[in-house]
Amino acid sequence: MRSPPTGRPAPTATPEVFARYRARLDRALREAVEGPDLPLYTMARYQMGWVDRAGNPVAGDRGKTVRPTLCLLMCEALGGNPDHALPAAAGLELLHNFSLVHDDIMDQDHSRRGRPTVWDVWGVPQAIDAGDLMHVLATLSALRGPPGPDGPLLAAEAVAVLARGCSRMTEGQHLDIAFESRDDVTLDQYLGMVDGKTAALIGTAFELGAVFAGNNRDVRSACREYGRTLGTAFQIRDDILGIWGEPETTGKPVGSDLMRRKKTWPVVHAWHHAAPADQARLHTMFQSRACAPDVADATAILERAGSREAAEAQVSQYQEASDAWLRILPVSAWGRAQLVEVARYIAQRAK
């Protein structure tokens, strides 16, 4: 592993390529969520950020749409027509949002993107149902293959790729929940969990793009591995922001992950690298349910252990690993430049 950086990278703005597909992706998503005039569909549209709880249109935070954008970008970078991948990309975003609805229930989170979560508004049973609906709608969207004789085959392959990604994501979620009751989690175990919970769907995004660009399984596999390394960098950056992020940028209070006792990469690092007294103090904070952890105290322990710098170094390591995968992908010069910019954004984003 490379030495920890002496300075922290400056946050980068959202790449312009995200705007390239936004309008088309929004149309595909809205088409995918069309359905009967039932409150269940209002819940799904609410989760997507399109309506308020009464079903009235709003112009709120609709999320970053990272995964479907990466799918469309990889398809175009490999010489494919991104419009052919739109239904599958929309399905991927719906799959991601299904997982968020259920995650919010499991974590008992009351707020997402600056407003109440689905379960907080409609209750747990209805939120579970809304998440299930979005899972089904994701599959139905992906089944809308592109025109031409190969359309049905490509649609079937897209559904299979989505299913494998969802399976890995679910396995990662299982591990994340299991880790909540453990205080002996290692960094390798944590990274294994992240490889499923977060990195799997980013790998899926790039693999889907390769599917619709007509690439062989070797290229698809390389795209998937490229995405998994970037996805791990994405999650560790998220872990850093959950402790040291600026509230006005992230929309979360200072040390939000510490208040929730989330066992993120910096916390697990400190468990194994802090001074013995600090390790004991940190374990006590995370085991006690009588009161919330002292955020300032916990943050100081992490900083004394060098956990922030180590996390930054780990992000850089995964970014460099993704660069190695990118070098072997048969993408266009334009596509390579866009992917480099996206990787920089993922590794250095501020929210």
Foldseek 3Di string as FASTA:
>chain_A
DDDFDPDFDAADDDDPLLVVCVVVLVVLLVVLLDDDPDLLSLLLCVLQVQAPSVSHGDDADRDSLVLLSLLLLLLVQLPFHSSQLSLLSSLLVLLVSLVVLVVCVVLVPQDDRHHGHSCNVVNDVSSNVSSVVSNVSSLVSLCQGDDDPCRNVLSVVSSVLSVVLSVLLVVLVVLQVVCLPDDQDALVNNLSSQLRNFQSSQLSSNLNSCSRSPDDPVLSVLSSVLSSLLRSLLQLVVVLCCAPFDCVVVVADHNNCQQSLRCHQLNNLLCPQFDPVLNVVSVVQSVDPPHGRDSVSVVVRSVNSVSSSVSLVSSVVSLVVSVVSLVPRPTDPVSSVSVNVNSSNSNRHRD
